[in-house]
Amino acid sequence: MGGRGTFAAGNKVAYTYEVDSQNYPDGKFEGVKVIVGAPGTNLHKLPESSHSSGAYLKMEPDGSFNMMRIYDKQHVLRLEIAYHAEKQLGQGKVLHYHYYDERFSKNAEGDFGRSTAIRITKKSRIYQRYKKFFKGVVL
C-alpha cells in the first residue's frame, strides 16, 4: 500500500478532503487542521500525502481523538498516531503509532511500507509530545 501517485510524488491530484468547520469553527484543534472526506467521496481516513499542512487530525463525531498524520517538508507521510483497535496490540481501542517509509507517499508500487503498530504509553516520548491532541483517549 502506498501513496499511489499522490501529491507528494509530484502529481496534481484532486484534494478530496475538507476542513471540519462544522465541529471546529476555525477548522483546527490545538492549531492543527481537522479534516473530513468531502461529500460523496466516502473517505474515512486521512490523506497519504499533505497538500499544505505538516499534520492533519481526524476526530470522532463526539470530538474525541481518532487519528493524526504528520508529514515532512516534501508532503510525505512519516508518522501516524491512531486510537482504534489494533489486533497485534490486544483487544479494544489502543493508542499506537506507525512510522512510514519515506517512499510511501511517492511510489505507486514497489517496496515501501510502515512499521508495525507500537503502543503508546504515558511515558512514551510521542505521548509527551502530542498528548494535547488525545482528547478522550483512555490509556
N, C-alpha and C. Protein backbone atom coordinates (compact mmCIF):
# COMPACT_ATOMS: atom_id res chain seq x y z
N MET A 1 0.86 -1.16 0.00
CA MET A 1 0.00 0.00 0.00
C MET A 1 0.90 1.22 0.00
N GLY A 2 0.61 2.15 -0.82
CA GLY A 2 1.42 3.35 -0.90
C GLY A 2 0.60 4.54 -1.33
N GLY A 3 1.29 5.61 -1.62
CA GLY A 3 0.61 6.82 -1.99
C GLY A 3 -0.08 6.75 -3.35
N ARG A 4 0.30 5.78 -4.16
CA ARG A 4 -0.34 5.58 -5.45
C ARG A 4 -0.36 6.84 -6.30
N GLY A 5 0.78 7.51 -6.37
CA GLY A 5 0.87 8.68 -7.24
C GLY A 5 0.28 9.93 -6.61
N THR A 6 0.49 10.14 -5.35
CA THR A 6 -0.09 11.26 -4.63
C THR A 6 0.62 12.58 -4.90
N PHE A 7 0.13 13.62 -4.26
CA PHE A 7 0.70 14.96 -4.35
C PHE A 7 2.19 14.94 -4.02
N ALA A 8 2.58 14.15 -3.01
CA ALA A 8 3.99 14.08 -2.61
C ALA A 8 4.87 13.52 -3.73
N ALA A 9 4.28 12.78 -4.64
CA ALA A 9 5.03 12.23 -5.77
C ALA A 9 5.15 13.24 -6.90
N GLY A 10 4.59 14.43 -6.70
CA GLY A 10 4.68 15.47 -7.71
C GLY A 10 3.50 15.49 -8.67
N ASN A 11 2.49 14.72 -8.38
CA ASN A 11 1.31 14.67 -9.24
C ASN A 11 0.24 15.63 -8.74
N LYS A 12 -0.44 16.26 -9.64
CA LYS A 12 -1.55 17.15 -9.28
C LYS A 12 -2.80 16.29 -9.16
N VAL A 13 -3.09 15.88 -7.92
CA VAL A 13 -4.25 15.04 -7.67
C VAL A 13 -5.34 15.87 -7.01
N ALA A 14 -6.57 15.48 -7.24
CA ALA A 14 -7.69 16.19 -6.63
C ALA A 14 -7.62 16.05 -5.12
N TYR A 15 -7.89 17.13 -4.43
CA TYR A 15 -7.90 17.11 -2.98
C TYR A 15 -9.32 16.79 -2.54
N THR A 16 -9.53 15.63 -1.96
CA THR A 16 -10.88 15.15 -1.67
C THR A 16 -11.23 15.24 -0.19
N TYR A 17 -10.68 16.21 0.50
CA TYR A 17 -10.94 16.42 1.91
C TYR A 17 -11.38 17.86 2.14
N GLU A 18 -12.08 18.06 3.24
CA GLU A 18 -12.49 19.40 3.64
C GLU A 18 -12.12 19.63 5.09
N VAL A 19 -11.88 20.87 5.42
CA VAL A 19 -11.65 21.24 6.81
C VAL A 19 -12.98 21.09 7.54
N ASP A 20 -12.95 20.51 8.73
CA ASP A 20 -14.17 20.30 9.52
C ASP A 20 -14.54 21.57 10.26
N SER A 21 -15.20 22.47 9.56
CA SER A 21 -15.61 23.73 10.19
C SER A 21 -16.97 23.60 10.88
N GLN A 22 -17.63 22.47 10.68
CA GLN A 22 -18.91 22.24 11.36
C GLN A 22 -18.68 22.03 12.86
N ASN A 23 -17.70 21.24 13.21
CA ASN A 23 -17.40 20.94 14.61
C ASN A 23 -16.29 21.81 15.19
N TYR A 24 -15.50 22.42 14.31
CA TYR A 24 -14.37 23.26 14.73
C TYR A 24 -14.46 24.55 13.93
N PRO A 25 -15.01 25.62 14.51
CA PRO A 25 -15.28 26.86 13.76
C PRO A 25 -14.11 27.38 12.94
N ASP A 26 -12.88 27.26 13.47
CA ASP A 26 -11.72 27.73 12.70
C ASP A 26 -11.07 26.59 11.92
N GLY A 27 -11.69 25.39 11.98
CA GLY A 27 -11.16 24.23 11.25
C GLY A 27 -9.96 23.59 11.90
N LYS A 28 -9.65 23.98 13.13
CA LYS A 28 -8.45 23.46 13.79
C LYS A 28 -8.74 23.03 15.22
N PHE A 29 -7.95 22.07 15.69
CA PHE A 29 -7.93 21.67 17.09
C PHE A 29 -6.49 21.77 17.54
N GLU A 30 -6.25 22.58 18.54
CA GLU A 30 -4.88 22.80 19.05
C GLU A 30 -3.94 23.22 17.92
N GLY A 31 -4.44 24.01 16.96
CA GLY A 31 -3.61 24.55 15.90
C GLY A 31 -3.41 23.66 14.69
N VAL A 32 -3.98 22.45 14.69
CA VAL A 32 -3.82 21.52 13.57
C VAL A 32 -5.16 21.35 12.87
N LYS A 33 -5.12 21.34 11.52
CA LYS A 33 -6.35 21.19 10.74
C LYS A 33 -7.03 19.86 11.03
N VAL A 34 -8.34 19.95 11.28
CA VAL A 34 -9.18 18.76 11.40
C VAL A 34 -9.89 18.61 10.07
N ILE A 35 -9.70 17.46 9.42
CA ILE A 35 -10.29 17.29 8.10
C ILE A 35 -11.20 16.07 8.05
N VAL A 36 -12.11 16.12 7.08
CA VAL A 36 -13.04 15.03 6.82
C VAL A 36 -13.09 14.82 5.31
N GLY A 37 -13.55 13.66 4.90
CA GLY A 37 -13.71 13.41 3.46
C GLY A 37 -14.77 14.32 2.89
N ALA A 38 -14.54 14.83 1.70
CA ALA A 38 -15.52 15.70 1.04
C ALA A 38 -16.79 14.89 0.76
N PRO A 39 -17.94 15.54 0.76
CA PRO A 39 -19.19 14.83 0.48
C PRO A 39 -19.10 14.03 -0.82
N GLY A 40 -19.59 12.80 -0.76
CA GLY A 40 -19.59 11.94 -1.94
C GLY A 40 -18.31 11.16 -2.14
N THR A 41 -17.26 11.41 -1.34
CA THR A 41 -16.00 10.69 -1.53
C THR A 41 -15.94 9.40 -0.73
N ASN A 42 -16.76 9.30 0.31
CA ASN A 42 -16.78 8.13 1.19
C ASN A 42 -15.41 7.88 1.83
N LEU A 43 -14.64 8.94 2.04
CA LEU A 43 -13.32 8.81 2.67
C LEU A 43 -13.45 8.90 4.18
N HIS A 44 -12.82 7.95 4.87
CA HIS A 44 -12.89 7.92 6.33
C HIS A 44 -11.52 7.89 6.98
N LYS A 45 -10.48 8.14 6.20
CA LYS A 45 -9.12 8.17 6.75
C LYS A 45 -8.48 9.51 6.41
N LEU A 46 -7.25 9.66 6.74
CA LEU A 46 -6.52 10.89 6.41
C LEU A 46 -5.69 10.65 5.15
N PRO A 47 -5.31 11.73 4.46
CA PRO A 47 -4.58 11.57 3.19
C PRO A 47 -3.19 10.97 3.35
N GLU A 48 -2.74 10.32 2.29
CA GLU A 48 -1.43 9.69 2.26
C GLU A 48 -0.30 10.69 2.02
N SER A 49 -0.66 11.88 1.57
CA SER A 49 0.33 12.96 1.47
C SER A 49 -0.40 14.26 1.76
N SER A 50 0.36 15.26 2.14
CA SER A 50 -0.21 16.55 2.51
C SER A 50 -0.11 17.52 1.35
N HIS A 51 -1.14 18.32 1.17
CA HIS A 51 -1.06 19.39 0.17
C HIS A 51 -0.44 20.64 0.78
N SER A 52 -0.77 20.92 2.05
CA SER A 52 -0.34 22.20 2.60
C SER A 52 0.11 22.17 4.05
N SER A 53 -0.33 21.20 4.82
CA SER A 53 -0.06 21.22 6.26
C SER A 53 0.98 20.19 6.65
N GLY A 54 1.60 20.43 7.79
CA GLY A 54 2.56 19.48 8.34
C GLY A 54 1.89 18.35 9.09
N ALA A 55 0.58 18.52 9.39
CA ALA A 55 -0.17 17.49 10.11
C ALA A 55 -1.66 17.70 9.87
N TYR A 56 -2.39 16.61 9.97
CA TYR A 56 -3.85 16.64 9.91
C TYR A 56 -4.40 15.77 11.03
N LEU A 57 -5.59 16.12 11.50
CA LEU A 57 -6.29 15.34 12.52
C LEU A 57 -7.60 14.81 11.99
N LYS A 58 -7.98 13.64 12.48
CA LYS A 58 -9.33 13.11 12.28
C LYS A 58 -9.89 12.90 13.67
N MET A 59 -11.04 13.49 13.93
CA MET A 59 -11.69 13.35 15.23
C MET A 59 -12.97 12.56 15.06
N GLU A 60 -13.41 11.90 16.13
CA GLU A 60 -14.68 11.18 16.13
C GLU A 60 -15.83 12.19 16.19
N PRO A 61 -17.04 11.78 15.83
CA PRO A 61 -18.18 12.69 15.89
C PRO A 61 -18.40 13.31 17.28
N ASP A 62 -18.01 12.59 18.35
CA ASP A 62 -18.17 13.14 19.70
C ASP A 62 -17.04 14.08 20.10
N GLY A 63 -16.10 14.32 19.19
CA GLY A 63 -14.98 15.23 19.45
C GLY A 63 -13.74 14.57 20.00
N SER A 64 -13.76 13.27 20.20
CA SER A 64 -12.58 12.58 20.72
C SER A 64 -11.60 12.26 19.59
N PHE A 65 -10.37 12.04 19.97
CA PHE A 65 -9.28 11.77 19.03
C PHE A 65 -9.47 10.44 18.32
N ASN A 66 -9.20 10.42 17.02
CA ASN A 66 -9.19 9.19 16.25
C ASN A 66 -7.81 8.95 15.63
N MET A 67 -7.29 9.95 14.91
CA MET A 67 -6.03 9.75 14.19
C MET A 67 -5.36 11.08 13.89
N MET A 68 -4.04 11.04 13.83
CA MET A 68 -3.23 12.19 13.42
C MET A 68 -2.16 11.66 12.48
N ARG A 69 -1.97 12.39 11.40
CA ARG A 69 -0.87 12.05 10.48
C ARG A 69 0.04 13.26 10.38
N ILE A 70 1.35 12.98 10.39
CA ILE A 70 2.37 14.01 10.34
C ILE A 70 3.21 13.79 9.09
N TYR A 71 3.45 14.90 8.37
CA TYR A 71 4.12 14.86 7.07
C TYR A 71 5.41 15.67 7.11
N ASP A 72 6.35 15.30 6.25
CA ASP A 72 7.60 16.05 6.18
C ASP A 72 7.46 17.23 5.21
N LYS A 73 8.55 17.96 4.98
CA LYS A 73 8.50 19.16 4.12
C LYS A 73 8.22 18.85 2.66
N GLN A 74 8.41 17.60 2.27
CA GLN A 74 8.10 17.19 0.89
C GLN A 74 6.67 16.64 0.79
N HIS A 75 5.86 16.82 1.86
CA HIS A 75 4.46 16.41 1.90
C HIS A 75 4.29 14.90 2.07
N VAL A 76 5.35 14.21 2.45
CA VAL A 76 5.34 12.76 2.58
C VAL A 76 4.88 12.36 3.99
N LEU A 77 3.99 11.39 4.06
CA LEU A 77 3.54 10.86 5.34
C LEU A 77 4.70 10.16 6.05
N ARG A 78 4.96 10.56 7.29
CA ARG A 78 6.07 9.96 8.05
C ARG A 78 5.63 9.29 9.34
N LEU A 79 4.57 9.81 9.98
CA LEU A 79 4.13 9.29 11.27
C LEU A 79 2.61 9.31 11.34
N GLU A 80 2.05 8.22 11.81
CA GLU A 80 0.61 8.15 12.05
C GLU A 80 0.39 7.72 13.49
N ILE A 81 -0.44 8.48 14.19
CA ILE A 81 -0.82 8.14 15.56
C ILE A 81 -2.32 7.89 15.51
N ALA A 82 -2.76 6.76 16.07
CA ALA A 82 -4.18 6.41 15.99
C ALA A 82 -4.67 5.80 17.29
N TYR A 83 -5.99 5.92 17.47
CA TYR A 83 -6.66 5.34 18.63
C TYR A 83 -7.84 4.52 18.13
N HIS A 84 -7.56 3.25 17.89
CA HIS A 84 -8.57 2.30 17.45
C HIS A 84 -8.06 0.89 17.73
N ALA A 85 -8.87 -0.09 17.44
CA ALA A 85 -8.46 -1.48 17.63
C ALA A 85 -7.27 -1.80 16.73
N GLU A 86 -6.32 -2.51 17.28
CA GLU A 86 -5.14 -2.95 16.53
C GLU A 86 -4.85 -4.37 17.02
N LYS A 87 -5.23 -5.38 16.24
CA LYS A 87 -5.18 -6.78 16.67
C LYS A 87 -3.87 -7.17 17.34
N GLN A 88 -2.75 -6.75 16.78
CA GLN A 88 -1.47 -7.18 17.32
C GLN A 88 -1.16 -6.59 18.70
N LEU A 89 -1.95 -5.59 19.13
CA LEU A 89 -1.71 -4.96 20.43
C LEU A 89 -2.78 -5.31 21.47
N GLY A 90 -3.71 -6.19 21.11
CA GLY A 90 -4.74 -6.59 22.05
C GLY A 90 -6.12 -6.16 21.60
N GLN A 91 -7.09 -6.33 22.50
CA GLN A 91 -8.47 -6.01 22.16
C GLN A 91 -8.82 -4.60 22.58
N GLY A 92 -9.84 -4.05 21.91
CA GLY A 92 -10.32 -2.72 22.22
C GLY A 92 -9.42 -1.65 21.61
N LYS A 93 -9.82 -0.41 21.83
CA LYS A 93 -9.04 0.72 21.31
C LYS A 93 -7.71 0.82 22.03
N VAL A 94 -6.68 1.09 21.27
CA VAL A 94 -5.35 1.26 21.84
C VAL A 94 -4.65 2.41 21.12
N LEU A 95 -4.02 3.28 21.88
CA LEU A 95 -3.26 4.38 21.30
C LEU A 95 -1.94 3.82 20.81
N HIS A 96 -1.64 4.04 19.55
CA HIS A 96 -0.43 3.48 18.95
C HIS A 96 0.05 4.36 17.80
N TYR A 97 1.22 4.02 17.28
CA TYR A 97 1.75 4.77 16.14
C TYR A 97 2.43 3.84 15.16
N HIS A 98 2.60 4.37 13.94
CA HIS A 98 3.33 3.71 12.87
C HIS A 98 4.27 4.74 12.26
N TYR A 99 5.51 4.35 11.99
CA TYR A 99 6.41 5.17 11.19
C TYR A 99 6.27 4.72 9.74
N TYR A 100 6.28 5.66 8.81
CA TYR A 100 6.17 5.36 7.39
C TYR A 100 7.50 5.55 6.69
N ASP A 101 7.79 4.65 5.78
CA ASP A 101 8.97 4.71 4.94
C ASP A 101 8.88 5.98 4.09
N GLU A 102 10.00 6.66 3.85
CA GLU A 102 9.97 7.91 3.08
C GLU A 102 9.47 7.72 1.65
N ARG A 103 9.44 6.51 1.17
CA ARG A 103 8.96 6.23 -0.18
C ARG A 103 7.45 6.03 -0.23
N PHE A 104 6.80 5.92 0.92
CA PHE A 104 5.38 5.56 0.97
C PHE A 104 4.50 6.46 0.10
N SER A 105 4.63 7.75 0.24
CA SER A 105 3.77 8.68 -0.50
C SER A 105 4.27 8.97 -1.91
N LYS A 106 5.38 8.38 -2.30
CA LYS A 106 5.96 8.69 -3.61
C LYS A 106 5.83 7.56 -4.62
N ASN A 107 5.79 6.32 -4.17
CA ASN A 107 5.75 5.18 -5.08
C ASN A 107 4.33 4.71 -5.34
N ALA A 108 4.02 4.43 -6.59
CA ALA A 108 2.73 3.85 -6.93
C ALA A 108 2.75 2.35 -6.68
N GLU A 109 3.92 1.77 -6.75
CA GLU A 109 4.09 0.34 -6.49
C GLU A 109 5.53 0.11 -6.10
N GLY A 110 5.80 -1.07 -5.62
CA GLY A 110 7.16 -1.39 -5.25
C GLY A 110 7.34 -1.48 -3.76
N ASP A 111 8.56 -1.36 -3.33
CA ASP A 111 8.94 -1.59 -1.95
C ASP A 111 8.78 -0.32 -1.11
N PHE A 112 7.85 -0.31 -0.22
CA PHE A 112 7.63 0.78 0.71
C PHE A 112 6.76 0.25 1.83
N GLY A 113 6.71 0.92 2.91
CA GLY A 113 5.87 0.39 3.97
C GLY A 113 5.84 1.24 5.21
N ARG A 114 5.34 0.60 6.24
CA ARG A 114 5.24 1.25 7.54
C ARG A 114 5.61 0.25 8.61
N SER A 115 5.95 0.77 9.76
CA SER A 115 6.30 -0.09 10.87
C SER A 115 5.07 -0.82 11.39
N THR A 116 5.30 -1.87 12.13
CA THR A 116 4.20 -2.50 12.84
C THR A 116 3.72 -1.51 13.90
N ALA A 117 2.54 -1.74 14.42
CA ALA A 117 1.97 -0.84 15.43
C ALA A 117 2.81 -0.89 16.71
N ILE A 118 3.06 0.29 17.26
CA ILE A 118 3.82 0.41 18.51
C ILE A 118 2.93 1.12 19.52
N ARG A 119 2.70 0.47 20.65
CA ARG A 119 1.83 1.02 21.69
C ARG A 119 2.42 2.30 22.27
N ILE A 120 1.55 3.25 22.55
CA ILE A 120 1.96 4.50 23.20
C ILE A 120 1.52 4.43 24.66
N THR A 121 2.45 4.70 25.55
CA THR A 121 2.16 4.78 26.98
C THR A 121 2.37 6.21 27.43
N LYS A 122 1.95 6.51 28.65
CA LYS A 122 2.13 7.86 29.16
C LYS A 122 3.60 8.24 29.29
N LYS A 123 4.49 7.27 29.35
CA LYS A 123 5.92 7.54 29.45
C LYS A 123 6.58 7.71 28.08
N SER A 124 5.86 7.38 27.01
CA SER A 124 6.42 7.47 25.66
C SER A 124 6.73 8.91 25.28
N ARG A 125 7.80 9.11 24.55
CA ARG A 125 8.13 10.45 24.04
C ARG A 125 7.02 10.98 23.14
N ILE A 126 6.47 10.09 22.32
CA ILE A 126 5.40 10.51 21.42
C ILE A 126 4.19 10.97 22.22
N TYR A 127 3.87 10.29 23.31
CA TYR A 127 2.74 10.72 24.14
C TYR A 127 3.02 12.10 24.71
N GLN A 128 4.20 12.31 25.24
CA GLN A 128 4.54 13.60 25.84
C GLN A 128 4.48 14.72 24.80
N ARG A 129 4.91 14.44 23.60
CA ARG A 129 4.95 15.47 22.56
C ARG A 129 3.56 15.82 22.02
N TYR A 130 2.67 14.82 21.88
CA TYR A 130 1.39 15.02 21.21
C TYR A 130 0.17 14.88 22.12
N LYS A 131 0.34 14.77 23.42
CA LYS A 131 -0.78 14.46 24.32
C LYS A 131 -1.91 15.48 24.28
N LYS A 132 -1.64 16.70 23.92
CA LYS A 132 -2.72 17.70 23.87
C LYS A 132 -3.78 17.36 22.82
N PHE A 133 -3.45 16.51 21.86
CA PHE A 133 -4.39 16.11 20.83
C PHE A 133 -5.25 14.92 21.21
N PHE A 134 -4.87 14.20 22.26
CA PHE A 134 -5.51 12.92 22.59
C PHE A 134 -6.77 13.07 23.43
N LYS A 135 -7.63 13.95 23.00
CA LYS A 135 -8.89 14.19 23.70
C LYS A 135 -9.74 12.91 23.72
N GLY A 136 -10.16 12.49 24.92
CA GLY A 136 -11.00 11.32 25.07
C GLY A 136 -10.28 9.99 25.04
N VAL A 137 -8.96 10.00 24.91
CA VAL A 137 -8.19 8.75 24.87
C VAL A 137 -8.01 8.22 26.29
N VAL A 138 -8.24 6.91 26.45
CA VAL A 138 -8.05 6.25 27.73
C VAL A 138 -6.88 5.29 27.60
N LEU A 139 -5.87 5.50 28.44
CA LEU A 139 -4.70 4.59 28.41
C LEU A 139 -4.78 3.61 29.56
